[in-house]
Amino acid sequence: MIDPSNVPSVEETEVLSRYVLQNRHFRNDKTPRPELFMPHPYQDLSVTRHRDATENELWQVGQDVAQQIGKTLYGRFDIQAKDCQVKPLIVKAKPVANNPNHADIAGWPPSKQDQKELALKIAASKSISKLISPP
């Protein structure tokens, strides 16, 4: 994981994970539904950076998140940071307790319709993986 005392800015080429905690956020063909990338009800959308993290550490973060909110971890989608930076969105490092690799996709417009348009673009990105199931 990233050294919590020295957290660098997010680079465009970094890989990010978006954890899937609801089965309605992916299709039968293991592709993401745009709703996975909607920030509602929050202002920002949480992701985890792969930088300096092992696969086990990435899965542990996902399990921790699921356990904290009492949900099932169905898996994760991996995507390059540059494909989450659809104007006006930015990806910024935002370490949290037990996850120095936490980041936020920020800058979402207030309108739910505008958010959905951006979420559609992210979900349709060429760099996004198929659903990766937990070990």
Protein backbone atom coordinates (compact mmCIF):
# COMPACT_ATOMS: atom_id res chain seq x y z
CA MET A 1 0.00 0.00 0.00
CA ILE A 2 1.01 3.63 -0.33
CA ASP A 3 2.98 5.06 2.58
CA PRO A 4 0.31 7.04 4.50
CA SER A 5 2.87 9.72 5.37
CA ASN A 6 3.74 10.31 1.70
CA VAL A 7 0.64 10.00 -0.51
CA PRO A 8 1.32 11.09 -4.10
CA SER A 9 -1.23 12.62 -6.45
CA VAL A 10 -3.15 10.25 -8.69
CA GLU A 11 -1.52 9.77 -12.10
CA GLU A 12 -3.57 9.26 -15.27
CA THR A 13 -1.98 5.86 -15.92
CA GLU A 14 -2.86 4.43 -12.50
CA VAL A 15 -5.35 1.60 -12.22
CA LEU A 16 -8.30 2.13 -9.88
CA SER A 17 -10.78 -0.36 -8.46
CA ARG A 18 -14.45 0.28 -7.92
CA TYR A 19 -15.87 -2.33 -5.55
CA VAL A 20 -19.24 -3.90 -6.36
CA LEU A 21 -21.51 -4.22 -3.34
CA GLN A 22 -24.84 -4.67 -5.16
CA ASN A 23 -25.60 -7.34 -7.75
CA ARG A 24 -27.68 -4.85 -9.73
CA HIS A 25 -24.46 -2.94 -10.57
CA PHE A 26 -23.30 -5.49 -13.14
CA ARG A 27 -24.86 -7.41 -16.01
CA ASN A 28 -24.91 -11.16 -16.64
CA ASP A 29 -22.03 -10.70 -19.09
CA LYS A 30 -19.92 -9.24 -16.23
CA THR A 31 -19.94 -5.68 -17.61
CA PRO A 32 -20.69 -2.73 -15.32
CA ARG A 33 -23.96 -0.89 -15.21
CA PRO A 34 -23.56 2.89 -15.18
CA GLU A 35 -25.21 3.08 -11.73
CA LEU A 36 -21.98 1.67 -10.26
CA PHE A 37 -20.35 4.98 -11.13
CA MET A 38 -23.05 7.28 -9.76
CA PRO A 39 -21.97 9.25 -6.68
CA HIS A 40 -25.52 9.50 -5.29
CA PRO A 41 -26.16 10.05 -2.41
CA TYR A 42 -22.63 11.39 -1.91
CA GLN A 43 -20.77 14.22 -3.65
CA ASP A 44 -17.78 12.06 -4.55
CA LEU A 45 -17.32 8.47 -5.73
CA SER A 46 -14.89 6.23 -3.82
CA VAL A 47 -12.27 4.14 -5.60
CA THR A 48 -9.08 2.40 -4.51
CA ARG A 49 -5.74 2.91 -6.21
CA HIS A 50 -3.64 -0.12 -7.14
CA ARG A 51 -0.42 1.82 -6.59
CA ASP A 52 1.98 -0.14 -4.34
CA ALA A 53 -0.81 -2.56 -3.35
CA THR A 54 -0.83 -6.35 -3.64
CA GLU A 55 -3.87 -8.27 -4.87
CA ASN A 56 -4.47 -9.47 -1.30
CA GLU A 57 -4.41 -5.88 0.00
CA LEU A 58 -6.87 -4.75 -2.69
CA TRP A 59 -9.28 -7.56 -1.78
CA GLN A 60 -8.89 -6.89 1.94
CA VAL A 61 -9.92 -3.26 1.40
CA GLY A 62 -13.00 -4.44 -0.52
CA GLN A 63 -13.90 -6.93 2.21
CA ASP A 64 -13.45 -4.23 4.87
CA VAL A 65 -15.75 -1.83 3.01
CA ALA A 66 -18.42 -4.52 2.54
CA GLN A 67 -18.23 -5.53 6.20
CA GLN A 68 -18.46 -1.92 7.44
CA ILE A 69 -21.74 -1.37 5.64
CA GLY A 70 -23.12 -4.91 5.96
CA LYS A 71 -23.07 -5.77 2.26
CA THR A 72 -21.72 -8.57 0.09
CA LEU A 73 -18.57 -8.00 -1.96
CA TYR A 74 -19.46 -9.26 -5.44
CA GLY A 75 -16.17 -8.19 -6.95
CA ARG A 76 -14.53 -5.16 -8.46
CA PHE A 77 -14.05 -3.38 -11.75
CA ASP A 78 -10.62 -2.04 -12.62
CA ILE A 79 -10.21 1.08 -14.76
CA GLN A 80 -7.48 3.54 -15.62
CA ALA A 81 -7.66 6.87 -13.80
CA LYS A 82 -7.64 8.82 -17.07
CA ASP A 83 -10.96 7.19 -18.05
CA CYS A 84 -12.56 8.47 -14.84
CA GLN A 85 -11.47 12.03 -15.57
CA VAL A 86 -14.34 12.84 -17.90
CA LYS A 87 -14.75 16.64 -17.84
CA PRO A 88 -15.44 18.08 -15.25
CA LEU A 89 -14.43 15.06 -13.11
CA ILE A 90 -11.04 14.65 -11.44
CA VAL A 91 -9.50 11.82 -9.44
CA LYS A 92 -7.86 12.93 -6.23
CA ALA A 93 -6.03 11.03 -3.52
CA LYS A 94 -8.09 10.92 -0.33
CA PRO A 95 -6.56 8.46 2.15
CA VAL A 96 -8.87 7.13 4.86
CA ALA A 97 -8.24 5.02 7.96
CA ASN A 98 -6.98 1.56 6.94
CA ASN A 99 -6.81 2.55 3.25
CA PRO A 100 -4.07 4.98 2.25
CA ASN A 101 -4.88 4.06 -1.37
CA HIS A 102 -8.39 5.52 -1.21
CA ALA A 103 -9.23 8.15 -3.81
CA ASP A 104 -12.31 10.07 -4.86
CA ILE A 105 -13.73 10.82 -8.27
CA ALA A 106 -14.82 14.40 -7.60
CA GLY A 107 -16.38 17.34 -9.41
CA TRP A 108 -19.76 15.79 -10.14
CA PRO A 109 -22.51 18.15 -11.33
CA PRO A 110 -25.53 18.45 -9.02
CA SER A 111 -28.06 17.19 -11.58
CA LYS A 112 -28.69 13.44 -11.42
CA GLN A 113 -29.19 13.38 -15.21
CA ASP A 114 -25.79 15.03 -15.75
CA GLN A 115 -24.23 12.55 -13.31
CA LYS A 116 -25.78 9.66 -15.23
CA GLU A 117 -24.33 10.90 -18.52
CA LEU A 118 -20.85 10.96 -16.98
CA ALA A 119 -21.38 7.53 -15.37
CA LEU A 120 -22.39 6.13 -18.78
CA LYS A 121 -19.10 7.37 -20.26
CA ILE A 122 -17.04 5.84 -17.46
CA ALA A 123 -18.87 2.50 -17.64
CA ALA A 124 -18.33 2.38 -21.42
CA SER A 125 -14.59 3.07 -21.14
CA LYS A 126 -12.23 0.89 -23.17
CA SER A 127 -9.94 0.36 -20.18
CA ILE A 128 -12.58 -1.05 -17.84
CA SER A 129 -12.28 -4.71 -16.91
CA LYS A 130 -15.01 -7.28 -16.74
CA LEU A 131 -16.18 -8.07 -13.21
CA ILE A 132 -13.31 -9.53 -11.21
CA SER A 133 -14.66 -11.93 -8.59
CA PRO A 134 -13.13 -12.09 -5.11
CA PRO A 135 -10.75 -14.97 -4.41
